[in-house]
Each structure stands twice: as C-alpha cells, then as structure tokens.
Amino acid sequence: MVEDHGPSIKDDKQYEGLRKKGMSKQRAARIANDPGSSSKGGKASGSGKKNTDSSQGGTKAQKVAAGRKGGKKSY
C-alpha cells in the first residue's frame, strides 16, 4: 500500500518508487510533483538536434581549412 507523504507530494506512488531506487527525498519529490514527469520516461530534453560537423559553427573558410563538411576539400 502506498503511504501518504503529506500534501507536498502529489504522486505518492511515484515518489515511493523513486525513493526505493535510492533517490534523495528532495529529488524524488521534485520529480513526483512535476506534472509531465511520468510521460518523459528518460527522453532527452532539448531540441533533439544532433551535434554534427555542419552545426558546430565556424565560417565556411574555417571548415574548408579543417577539411570538414561545408566546403570543398583542398588537395
């Protein structure tokens, strides 16, 4: 049976599960009180954009000099 952890914990079942996994009280409470935490399920946050050579910045000339994508390779 799920124990009542007081009015500050919104999802007692999730809180208890996180505590059993060894999570701190503060962190478990923060996750259990987050309205979208159960749907996140370990998905990475952010834009989902992968960090490839073409998105790492630098001018076209710098990429050409380094032989990376974004310019013709000089032989």
Protein backbone atom coordinates (compact mmCIF):
# COMPACT_ATOMS: atom_id res chain seq x y z
CA MET A 1 0.00 0.00 0.00
CA VAL A 2 1.20 3.48 -0.83
CA GLU A 3 1.96 5.64 2.17
CA ASP A 4 0.66 9.22 2.33
CA HIS A 5 3.65 11.57 2.29
CA GLY A 6 1.67 14.70 3.06
CA PRO A 7 0.19 17.47 0.96
CA SER A 8 3.53 18.46 -0.56
CA ILE A 9 3.84 15.22 -2.57
CA LYS A 10 1.34 15.00 -5.44
CA ASP A 11 2.13 11.45 -6.65
CA ASP A 12 2.87 9.27 -3.60
CA LYS A 13 3.25 6.07 -5.64
CA GLN A 14 5.88 7.57 -7.96
CA TYR A 15 7.67 9.21 -5.00
CA GLU A 16 7.90 5.90 -3.16
CA GLY A 17 9.24 4.12 -6.24
CA LEU A 18 11.95 6.73 -6.73
CA ARG A 19 12.93 6.57 -3.05
CA LYS A 20 13.27 2.76 -3.29
CA LYS A 21 15.66 3.24 -6.20
CA GLY A 22 17.87 5.28 -3.86
CA MET A 23 16.94 8.78 -4.94
CA SER A 24 17.10 11.60 -2.41
CA LYS A 25 13.88 12.85 -0.83
CA GLN A 26 14.23 16.26 -2.44
CA ARG A 27 14.85 14.94 -5.94
CA ALA A 28 12.12 12.29 -5.69
CA ALA A 29 9.65 14.95 -4.51
CA ARG A 30 10.60 17.26 -7.37
CA ILE A 31 10.02 14.54 -9.96
CA ALA A 32 6.81 13.26 -8.35
CA ASN A 33 5.38 16.79 -8.30
CA ASP A 34 6.24 17.55 -11.94
CA PRO A 35 3.01 17.19 -13.98
CA GLY A 36 4.78 15.79 -17.07
CA SER A 37 7.35 13.58 -15.35
CA SER A 38 5.55 10.28 -15.90
CA SER A 39 5.37 10.89 -19.66
CA LYS A 40 9.03 11.86 -20.01
CA GLY A 41 10.37 8.40 -19.34
CA GLY A 42 14.07 9.11 -19.76
CA LYS A 43 13.75 11.02 -23.01
CA ALA A 44 16.46 13.60 -23.60
CA SER A 45 15.44 17.18 -23.15
CA GLY A 46 16.25 19.88 -25.66
CA SER A 47 15.54 20.49 -29.29
CA GLY A 48 16.51 16.99 -30.37
CA LYS A 49 19.04 18.44 -32.77
CA LYS A 50 22.12 16.28 -33.15
CA ASN A 51 25.51 17.89 -32.95
CA THR A 52 27.05 17.18 -36.35
CA ASP A 53 30.00 18.75 -38.09
CA SER A 54 27.81 21.10 -40.09
CA SER A 55 26.16 22.52 -36.97
CA GLN A 56 29.30 23.13 -34.93
CA GLY A 57 29.88 26.64 -36.12
CA GLY A 58 32.75 28.34 -37.77
CA THR A 59 32.91 30.04 -41.13
CA LYS A 60 32.96 28.22 -44.44
CA ALA A 61 36.62 29.14 -44.84
CA GLN A 62 37.46 27.62 -41.44
CA LYS A 63 35.67 24.40 -42.37
CA VAL A 64 37.50 24.23 -45.69
CA ALA A 65 40.82 24.66 -43.89
CA ALA A 66 39.94 21.88 -41.47
CA GLY A 67 38.69 19.60 -44.24
CA ARG A 68 35.21 19.31 -42.74
CA LYS A 69 31.77 19.41 -44.32
CA GLY A 70 30.69 22.76 -45.61
CA GLY A 71 33.30 23.41 -48.23
CA LYS A 72 35.33 21.77 -50.95
CA LYS A 73 38.29 19.79 -49.76
CA SER A 74 41.57 21.31 -50.88
CA TYR A 75 44.10 18.89 -52.28
